[in-house]
Amino acid sequence: MDGWIDFYDSAHTIYVNAHHRDVHFRRLAEDLSQYVRPGASVLDYGCGEALSADIVAAKADRLILIEPAPGVRARLTARFGKNAKIDVSGPDQLAALPDHSIDLVIMHSVAQYLTPKELDATLARLRRLLRPDGLFVLGDVIPPHTSALNDAAALLRFGAREGFFFAAIGGLARTTLSQYRQLRTSLGLTRYDETALIEKLAAAGFTARRAGRNIGHNQSRMTFLALPAGSAALN
């Protein structure tokens, strides 16, 4: 995962312009906030820039943003340092959190950057933190059949709705020569079908199902909702 961490910590151009970046993170926060119970303790693992984290924090009692990239983490601290509800930490700080202390764990658009063994280890670490009646939301999982063309089409549809369609066309053209394209080719993205991912979650101690919609704009990817095994069945 180190190559991807370095990429997202650089001055990358994954977002076609500032408006795309802003509406992307606002959409994620609005989608995620529907899973937040009032007064909940929430942990967002691999949160990225999380520009609209305050939307999630507004419903929560505490929001812990876990981000491995040090530059991104510094920007999060600068942005949300005065928000008493938001804490910013690196992954190493997970070990200091008490068992069963989190109501909602979020891991969005991270699984594709981990090897299967890394994902297993991460799921175990997050399972330890979740309360018996807590919820784990695993978003943006890429199915085996999903290609870069699916992602491009989703971006263009999102751009048409949010007013950056022509910028998206230019951004896609730039991506063909970008470091992101090179990393996607050299490192690849880990993919799971629905059954395999549910089985992986079960092995980590969860009971899971696929959500009706993926978090964010790209509906060719999948979100899973998981409870600690033995909890009440998911609706």
C-alpha atoms as a PDB file:
ATOM      1  CA  MET A   1       0.000   0.000   0.000  1.00  0.00           C
ATOM      2  CA  ASP A   2       2.985   2.332   0.445  1.00  0.00           C
ATOM      3  CA  GLY A   3       2.981   3.346  -3.220  1.00  0.00           C
ATOM      4  CA  TRP A   4      -0.635   4.436  -3.004  1.00  0.00           C
ATOM      5  CA  ILE A   5      -0.036   6.306   0.264  1.00  0.00           C
ATOM      6  CA  ASP A   6       2.806   8.232  -1.357  1.00  0.00           C
ATOM      7  CA  PHE A   7       0.584   9.044  -4.325  1.00  0.00           C
ATOM      8  CA  TYR A   8      -2.278  10.436  -2.251  1.00  0.00           C
ATOM      9  CA  ASP A   9       0.240  12.371  -0.161  1.00  0.00           C
ATOM     10  CA  SER A  10       1.594  14.060  -3.296  1.00  0.00           C
ATOM     11  CA  ALA A  11       0.238  16.942  -5.377  1.00  0.00           C
ATOM     12  CA  HIS A  12      -1.826  14.501  -7.435  1.00  0.00           C
ATOM     13  CA  THR A  13      -4.557  15.360  -9.942  1.00  0.00           C
ATOM     14  CA  ILE A  14      -7.081  12.623  -9.146  1.00  0.00           C
ATOM     15  CA  TYR A  15      -9.746  15.343  -8.931  1.00  0.00           C
ATOM     16  CA  VAL A  16     -10.256  17.224 -12.174  1.00  0.00           C
ATOM     17  CA  ASN A  17     -10.663  20.576 -10.394  1.00  0.00           C
ATOM     18  CA  ALA A  18     -11.415  22.026  -6.975  1.00  0.00           C
ATOM     19  CA  HIS A  19     -15.175  21.861  -7.539  1.00  0.00           C
ATOM     20  CA  HIS A  20     -14.977  18.137  -8.311  1.00  0.00           C
ATOM     21  CA  ARG A  21     -12.966  17.564  -5.134  1.00  0.00           C
ATOM     22  CA  ASP A  22     -15.424  19.560  -3.011  1.00  0.00           C
ATOM     23  CA  VAL A  23     -18.610  17.926  -4.284  1.00  0.00           C
ATOM     24  CA  HIS A  24     -16.965  14.483  -4.102  1.00  0.00           C
ATOM     25  CA  PHE A  25     -16.260  14.811  -0.388  1.00  0.00           C
ATOM     26  CA  ARG A  26     -19.595  16.479   0.324  1.00  0.00           C
ATOM     27  CA  ARG A  27     -21.419  13.582  -1.367  1.00  0.00           C
ATOM     28  CA  LEU A  28     -19.424  11.047   0.664  1.00  0.00           C
ATOM     29  CA  ALA A  29     -20.136  12.852   3.934  1.00  0.00           C
ATOM     30  CA  GLU A  30     -23.847  13.148   3.178  1.00  0.00           C
ATOM     31  CA  ASP A  31     -24.057   9.445   2.301  1.00  0.00           C
ATOM     32  CA  LEU A  32     -22.082   8.407   5.379  1.00  0.00           C
ATOM     33  CA  SER A  33     -24.036  10.595   7.763  1.00  0.00           C
ATOM     34  CA  GLN A  34     -27.146   8.470   7.209  1.00  0.00           C
ATOM     35  CA  TYR A  35     -25.424   5.676   9.159  1.00  0.00           C
ATOM     36  CA  VAL A  36     -24.538   7.869  12.162  1.00  0.00           C
ATOM     37  CA  ARG A  37     -26.754   7.534  15.217  1.00  0.00           C
ATOM     38  CA  PRO A  38     -27.033  10.741  17.264  1.00  0.00           C
ATOM     39  CA  GLY A  39     -24.290  10.813  19.879  1.00  0.00           C
ATOM     40  CA  ALA A  40     -22.326   7.975  18.280  1.00  0.00           C
ATOM     41  CA  SER A  41     -18.586   7.443  18.440  1.00  0.00           C
ATOM     42  CA  VAL A  42     -17.418   7.146  14.809  1.00  0.00           C
ATOM     43  CA  LEU A  43     -14.102   6.049  13.315  1.00  0.00           C
ATOM     44  CA  ASP A  44     -13.266   6.683   9.653  1.00  0.00           C
ATOM     45  CA  TYR A  45     -10.302   4.497   8.660  1.00  0.00           C
ATOM     46  CA  GLY A  46      -8.332   5.743   5.650  1.00  0.00           C
ATOM     47  CA  CYS A  47     -10.446   8.882   5.469  1.00  0.00           C
ATOM     48  CA  GLY A  48      -8.382  10.791   2.891  1.00  0.00           C
ATOM     49  CA  GLU A  49      -8.884  14.545   2.658  1.00  0.00           C
ATOM     50  CA  ALA A  50     -12.374  14.254   4.240  1.00  0.00           C
ATOM     51  CA  LEU A  51     -13.138  17.887   3.417  1.00  0.00           C
ATOM     52  CA  SER A  52     -16.728  17.615   4.688  1.00  0.00           C
ATOM     53  CA  ALA A  53     -16.056  15.543   7.800  1.00  0.00           C
ATOM     54  CA  ASP A  54     -17.867  18.177   9.825  1.00  0.00           C
ATOM     55  CA  ILE A  55     -21.153  16.957   8.267  1.00  0.00           C
ATOM     56  CA  VAL A  56     -20.570  13.530   9.814  1.00  0.00           C
ATOM     57  CA  ALA A  57     -19.259  14.992  13.075  1.00  0.00           C
ATOM     58  CA  ALA A  58     -22.390  17.130  13.461  1.00  0.00           C
ATOM     59  CA  LYS A  59     -24.465  13.996  14.126  1.00  0.00           C
ATOM     60  CA  ALA A  60     -21.813  12.210  16.178  1.00  0.00           C
ATOM     61  CA  ASP A  61     -20.436  12.689  19.659  1.00  0.00           C
ATOM     62  CA  ARG A  62     -16.896  11.995  18.422  1.00  0.00           C
ATOM     63  CA  LEU A  63     -15.354  11.429  14.990  1.00  0.00           C
ATOM     64  CA  ILE A  64     -11.890   9.873  14.757  1.00  0.00           C
ATOM     65  CA  LEU A  65     -10.223  10.344  11.375  1.00  0.00           C
ATOM     66  CA  ILE A  66      -7.500   7.764  10.735  1.00  0.00           C
ATOM     67  CA  GLU A  67      -5.239   8.642   7.809  1.00  0.00           C
ATOM     68  CA  PRO A  68      -1.868   7.013   6.965  1.00  0.00           C
ATOM     69  CA  ALA A  69      -0.520   9.769   4.676  1.00  0.00           C
ATOM     70  CA  PRO A  70       1.323  12.304   6.863  1.00  0.00           C
ATOM     71  CA  GLY A  71       0.755  15.292   4.582  1.00  0.00           C
ATOM     72  CA  VAL A  72      -2.970  14.597   4.329  1.00  0.00           C
ATOM     73  CA  ARG A  73      -3.086  14.096   8.086  1.00  0.00           C
ATOM     74  CA  ALA A  74      -1.451  17.488   8.658  1.00  0.00           C
ATOM     75  CA  ARG A  75      -4.043  19.163   6.418  1.00  0.00           C
ATOM     76  CA  LEU A  76      -6.845  17.438   8.297  1.00  0.00           C
ATOM     77  CA  THR A  77      -5.441  18.700  11.575  1.00  0.00           C
ATOM     78  CA  ALA A  78      -5.205  22.233  10.215  1.00  0.00           C
ATOM     79  CA  ARG A  79      -8.757  22.092   8.852  1.00  0.00           C
ATOM     80  CA  PHE A  80     -10.498  20.513  11.840  1.00  0.00           C
ATOM     81  CA  GLY A  81      -8.170  21.275  14.739  1.00  0.00           C
ATOM     82  CA  LYS A  82     -10.693  23.658  16.312  1.00  0.00           C
ATOM     83  CA  ASN A  83     -13.590  21.208  16.019  1.00  0.00           C
ATOM     84  CA  ALA A  84     -13.861  19.591  19.459  1.00  0.00           C
ATOM     85  CA  LYS A  85     -15.718  16.607  17.997  1.00  0.00           C
ATOM     86  CA  ILE A  86     -12.987  15.610  15.514  1.00  0.00           C
ATOM     87  CA  ASP A  87      -9.713  13.825  16.318  1.00  0.00           C
ATOM     88  CA  VAL A  88      -7.061  13.147  13.660  1.00  0.00           C
ATOM     89  CA  SER A  89      -4.651  10.221  14.078  1.00  0.00           C
ATOM     90  CA  GLY A  90      -2.502   7.776  12.155  1.00  0.00           C
ATOM     91  CA  PRO A  91      -3.184   4.020  11.932  1.00  0.00           C
ATOM     92  CA  ASP A  92      -0.654   3.293  14.686  1.00  0.00           C
ATOM     93  CA  GLN A  93      -2.980   4.999  17.159  1.00  0.00           C
ATOM     94  CA  LEU A  94      -5.662   2.321  16.725  1.00  0.00           C
ATOM     95  CA  ALA A  95      -3.920   0.103  19.251  1.00  0.00           C
ATOM     96  CA  ALA A  96      -4.482   2.718  21.974  1.00  0.00           C
ATOM     97  CA  LEU A  97      -8.263   2.718  21.514  1.00  0.00           C
ATOM     98  CA  PRO A  98     -10.203   0.537  23.974  1.00  0.00           C
ATOM     99  CA  ASP A  99     -11.934  -2.632  22.835  1.00  0.00           C
ATOM    100  CA  HIS A 100     -15.600  -2.207  21.840  1.00  0.00           C
ATOM    101  CA  SER A 101     -15.460   1.602  22.095  1.00  0.00           C
ATOM    102  CA  ILE A 102     -16.743   2.599  18.624  1.00  0.00           C
ATOM    103  CA  ASP A 103     -20.374   2.653  17.464  1.00  0.00           C
ATOM    104  CA  LEU A 104     -19.683   3.091  13.741  1.00  0.00           C
ATOM    105  CA  VAL A 105     -16.551   2.154  11.807  1.00  0.00           C
ATOM    106  CA  ILE A 106     -16.220   3.413   8.231  1.00  0.00           C
ATOM    107  CA  MET A 107     -13.681   2.183   5.691  1.00  0.00           C
ATOM    108  CA  HIS A 108     -14.423   3.696   2.301  1.00  0.00           C
ATOM    109  CA  SER A 109     -12.330   3.317  -0.861  1.00  0.00           C
ATOM    110  CA  VAL A 110      -9.505   1.542   0.967  1.00  0.00           C
ATOM    111  CA  ALA A 111      -9.970  -2.196   0.358  1.00  0.00           C
ATOM    112  CA  GLN A 112      -8.799  -1.949  -3.261  1.00  0.00           C
ATOM    113  CA  TYR A 113      -5.386  -0.686  -2.150  1.00  0.00           C
ATOM    114  CA  LEU A 114      -4.767  -3.552   0.299  1.00  0.00           C
ATOM    115  CA  THR A 115      -3.636  -7.083  -0.420  1.00  0.00           C
ATOM    116  CA  PRO A 116      -6.066  -9.775   0.802  1.00  0.00           C
ATOM    117  CA  LYS A 117      -3.793 -10.453   3.813  1.00  0.00           C
ATOM    118  CA  GLU A 118      -3.602  -6.742   4.617  1.00  0.00           C
ATOM    119  CA  LEU A 119      -7.381  -6.495   4.437  1.00  0.00           C
ATOM    120  CA  ASP A 120      -7.756  -9.480   6.788  1.00  0.00           C
ATOM    121  CA  ALA A 121      -5.448  -7.839   9.331  1.00  0.00           C
ATOM    122  CA  THR A 122      -7.254  -4.510   9.040  1.00  0.00           C
ATOM    123  CA  LEU A 123     -10.678  -6.093   9.474  1.00  0.00           C
ATOM    124  CA  ALA A 124      -9.459  -7.822  12.640  1.00  0.00           C
ATOM    125  CA  ARG A 125      -8.139  -4.542  14.057  1.00  0.00           C
ATOM    126  CA  LEU A 126     -11.396  -2.760  13.330  1.00  0.00           C
ATOM    127  CA  ARG A 127     -13.551  -5.623  14.616  1.00  0.00           C
ATOM    128  CA  ARG A 128     -11.871  -5.303  18.024  1.00  0.00           C
ATOM    129  CA  LEU A 129     -12.976  -1.677  18.295  1.00  0.00           C
ATOM    130  CA  LEU A 130     -16.618  -2.114  17.365  1.00  0.00           C
ATOM    131  CA  ARG A 131     -19.294  -2.265  20.061  1.00  0.00           C
ATOM    132  CA  PRO A 132     -21.483  -5.407  20.103  1.00  0.00           C
ATOM    133  CA  ASP A 133     -24.352  -3.379  18.597  1.00  0.00           C
ATOM    134  CA  GLY A 134     -22.081  -1.318  16.330  1.00  0.00           C
ATOM    135  CA  LEU A 135     -22.007  -1.099  12.536  1.00  0.00           C
ATOM    136  CA  PHE A 136     -19.116  -1.461  10.089  1.00  0.00           C
ATOM    137  CA  VAL A 137     -19.564   0.253   6.704  1.00  0.00           C
ATOM    138  CA  LEU A 138     -17.138  -0.954   4.020  1.00  0.00           C
ATOM    139  CA  GLY A 139     -17.524   1.134   0.894  1.00  0.00           C
ATOM    140  CA  ASP A 140     -16.301   1.390  -2.686  1.00  0.00           C
ATOM    141  CA  VAL A 141     -15.323  -2.269  -3.072  1.00  0.00           C
ATOM    142  CA  ILE A 142     -14.495  -2.995  -6.722  1.00  0.00           C
ATOM    143  CA  PRO A 143     -16.096  -6.084  -8.323  1.00  0.00           C
ATOM    144  CA  PRO A 144     -13.927  -8.189 -10.651  1.00  0.00           C
ATOM    145  CA  HIS A 145     -15.754  -7.074 -13.806  1.00  0.00           C
ATOM    146  CA  THR A 146     -15.448  -3.330 -13.153  1.00  0.00           C
ATOM    147  CA  SER A 147     -12.960  -1.572 -15.435  1.00  0.00           C
ATOM    148  CA  ALA A 148     -11.444   1.871 -15.734  1.00  0.00           C
ATOM    149  CA  LEU A 149     -14.117   2.564 -18.374  1.00  0.00           C
ATOM    150  CA  ASN A 150     -16.835   2.004 -15.751  1.00  0.00           C
ATOM    151  CA  ASP A 151     -15.098   4.483 -13.464  1.00  0.00           C
ATOM    152  CA  ALA A 152     -14.751   7.002 -16.300  1.00  0.00           C
ATOM    153  CA  ALA A 153     -18.442   6.742 -17.189  1.00  0.00           C
ATOM    154  CA  ALA A 154     -19.418   7.223 -13.531  1.00  0.00           C
ATOM    155  CA  LEU A 155     -17.219  10.320 -13.325  1.00  0.00           C
ATOM    156  CA  LEU A 156     -18.785  11.823 -16.453  1.00  0.00           C
ATOM    157  CA  ARG A 157     -22.301  11.240 -15.107  1.00  0.00           C
ATOM    158  CA  PHE A 158     -21.282  12.808 -11.801  1.00  0.00           C
ATOM    159  CA  GLY A 159     -19.729  15.751 -13.654  1.00  0.00           C
ATOM    160  CA  ALA A 160     -22.890  16.284 -15.676  1.00  0.00           C
ATOM    161  CA  ARG A 161     -24.983  16.414 -12.495  1.00  0.00           C
ATOM    162  CA  GLU A 162     -22.584  18.605 -10.533  1.00  0.00           C
ATOM    163  CA  GLY A 163     -21.426  21.040 -13.233  1.00  0.00           C
ATOM    164  CA  PHE A 164     -17.898  19.873 -14.079  1.00  0.00           C
ATOM    165  CA  PHE A 165     -18.610  17.657 -17.108  1.00  0.00           C
ATOM    166  CA  PHE A 166     -16.159  19.331 -19.507  1.00  0.00           C
ATOM    167  CA  ALA A 167     -13.492  19.498 -16.822  1.00  0.00           C
ATOM    168  CA  ALA A 168     -14.056  15.768 -16.283  1.00  0.00           C
ATOM    169  CA  ILE A 169     -13.390  15.083 -19.974  1.00  0.00           C
ATOM    170  CA  GLY A 170     -10.106  16.977 -19.739  1.00  0.00           C
ATOM    171  CA  GLY A 171      -9.234  15.249 -16.480  1.00  0.00           C
ATOM    172  CA  LEU A 172      -9.780  11.815 -17.992  1.00  0.00           C
ATOM    173  CA  ALA A 173      -7.478  12.726 -20.878  1.00  0.00           C
ATOM    174  CA  ARG A 174      -4.769  13.768 -18.410  1.00  0.00           C
ATOM    175  CA  THR A 175      -5.215  10.570 -16.417  1.00  0.00           C
ATOM    176  CA  THR A 176      -3.987   8.441 -19.337  1.00  0.00           C
ATOM    177  CA  LEU A 177      -0.483   9.872 -18.757  1.00  0.00           C
ATOM    178  CA  SER A 178      -0.714  10.343 -15.001  1.00  0.00           C
ATOM    179  CA  GLN A 179       1.042   8.654 -12.109  1.00  0.00           C
ATOM    180  CA  TYR A 180      -2.346   7.272 -11.034  1.00  0.00           C
ATOM    181  CA  ARG A 181      -2.675   5.361 -14.304  1.00  0.00           C
ATOM    182  CA  GLN A 182       0.886   4.079 -13.945  1.00  0.00           C
ATOM    183  CA  LEU A 183       0.247   2.890 -10.384  1.00  0.00           C
ATOM    184  CA  ARG A 184      -3.066   1.314 -11.331  1.00  0.00           C
ATOM    185  CA  THR A 185      -1.217  -0.617 -14.048  1.00  0.00           C
ATOM    186  CA  SER A 186       1.828  -1.586 -11.979  1.00  0.00           C
ATOM    187  CA  LEU A 187       0.280  -2.205  -8.552  1.00  0.00           C
ATOM    188  CA  GLY A 188      -3.259  -3.006  -9.586  1.00  0.00           C
ATOM    189  CA  LEU A 189      -6.423  -2.723  -7.508  1.00  0.00           C
ATOM    190  CA  THR A 190      -7.672  -5.619  -5.405  1.00  0.00           C
ATOM    191  CA  ARG A 191     -11.165  -6.763  -6.408  1.00  0.00           C
ATOM    192  CA  TYR A 192     -13.794  -8.942  -4.756  1.00  0.00           C
ATOM    193  CA  ASP A 193     -17.100 -10.340  -5.825  1.00  0.00           C
ATOM    194  CA  GLU A 194     -20.006 -10.019  -3.418  1.00  0.00           C
ATOM    195  CA  THR A 195     -19.816 -13.568  -2.081  1.00  0.00           C
ATOM    196  CA  ALA A 196     -16.056 -13.497  -1.519  1.00  0.00           C
ATOM    197  CA  LEU A 197     -16.193 -10.224   0.390  1.00  0.00           C
ATOM    198  CA  ILE A 198     -19.047 -11.391   2.625  1.00  0.00           C
ATOM    199  CA  GLU A 199     -17.058 -14.572   3.365  1.00  0.00           C
ATOM    200  CA  LYS A 200     -13.985 -12.488   4.204  1.00  0.00           C
ATOM    201  CA  LEU A 201     -16.044 -10.368   6.586  1.00  0.00           C
ATOM    202  CA  ALA A 202     -17.483 -13.522   8.183  1.00  0.00           C
ATOM    203  CA  ALA A 203     -13.974 -14.855   8.777  1.00  0.00           C
ATOM    204  CA  ALA A 204     -13.194 -11.604  10.616  1.00  0.00           C
ATOM    205  CA  GLY A 205     -16.217 -12.015  12.897  1.00  0.00           C
ATOM    206  CA  PHE A 206     -18.896 -10.065  11.042  1.00  0.00           C
ATOM    207  CA  THR A 207     -22.338 -10.809   9.654  1.00  0.00           C
ATOM    208  CA  ALA A 208     -22.661  -8.757   6.465  1.00  0.00           C
ATOM    209  CA  ARG A 209     -24.788  -7.935   3.481  1.00  0.00           C
ATOM    210  CA  ARG A 210     -24.372  -5.721   0.446  1.00  0.00           C
ATOM    211  CA  ALA A 211     -26.075  -2.327   0.711  1.00  0.00           C
ATOM    212  CA  GLY A 212     -28.565  -1.247  -1.932  1.00  0.00           C
ATOM    213  CA  ARG A 213     -26.299   1.598  -3.063  1.00  0.00           C
ATOM    214  CA  ASN A 214     -22.608   2.315  -2.934  1.00  0.00           C
ATOM    215  CA  ILE A 215     -21.451   5.332  -0.956  1.00  0.00           C
ATOM    216  CA  GLY A 216     -20.582   8.174  -3.315  1.00  0.00           C
ATOM    217  CA  HIS A 217     -21.213   8.620  -7.018  1.00  0.00           C
ATOM    218  CA  ASN A 218     -19.824   5.379  -8.498  1.00  0.00           C
ATOM    219  CA  GLN A 219     -22.576   2.767  -8.497  1.00  0.00           C
ATOM    220  CA  SER A 220     -20.466   0.174 -10.324  1.00  0.00           C
ATOM    221  CA  ARG A 221     -18.754  -0.405  -6.947  1.00  0.00           C
ATOM    222  CA  MET A 222     -20.187  -1.908  -3.774  1.00  0.00           C
ATOM    223  CA  THR A 223     -20.801  -0.983  -0.134  1.00  0.00           C
ATOM    224  CA  PHE A 224     -21.229  -3.613   2.574  1.00  0.00           C
ATOM    225  CA  LEU A 225     -22.925  -3.259   5.960  1.00  0.00           C
ATOM    226  CA  ALA A 226     -21.582  -5.534   8.685  1.00  0.00           C
ATOM    227  CA  LEU A 227     -22.450  -6.243  12.312  1.00  0.00           C
ATOM    228  CA  PRO A 228     -20.398  -8.151  14.872  1.00  0.00           C
ATOM    229  CA  ALA A 229     -21.347 -11.811  14.563  1.00  0.00           C
ATOM    230  CA  GLY A 230     -24.140 -12.652  16.972  1.00  0.00           C
ATOM    231  CA  SER A 231     -25.762  -9.209  16.747  1.00  0.00           C
ATOM    232  CA  ALA A 232     -29.321  -8.705  15.565  1.00  0.00           C
ATOM    233  CA  ALA A 233     -29.796  -9.366  11.858  1.00  0.00           C
ATOM    234  CA  LEU A 234     -29.247  -6.524   9.426  1.00  0.00           C
ATOM    235  CA  ASN A 235     -32.380  -4.951   7.994  1.00  0.00           C
END
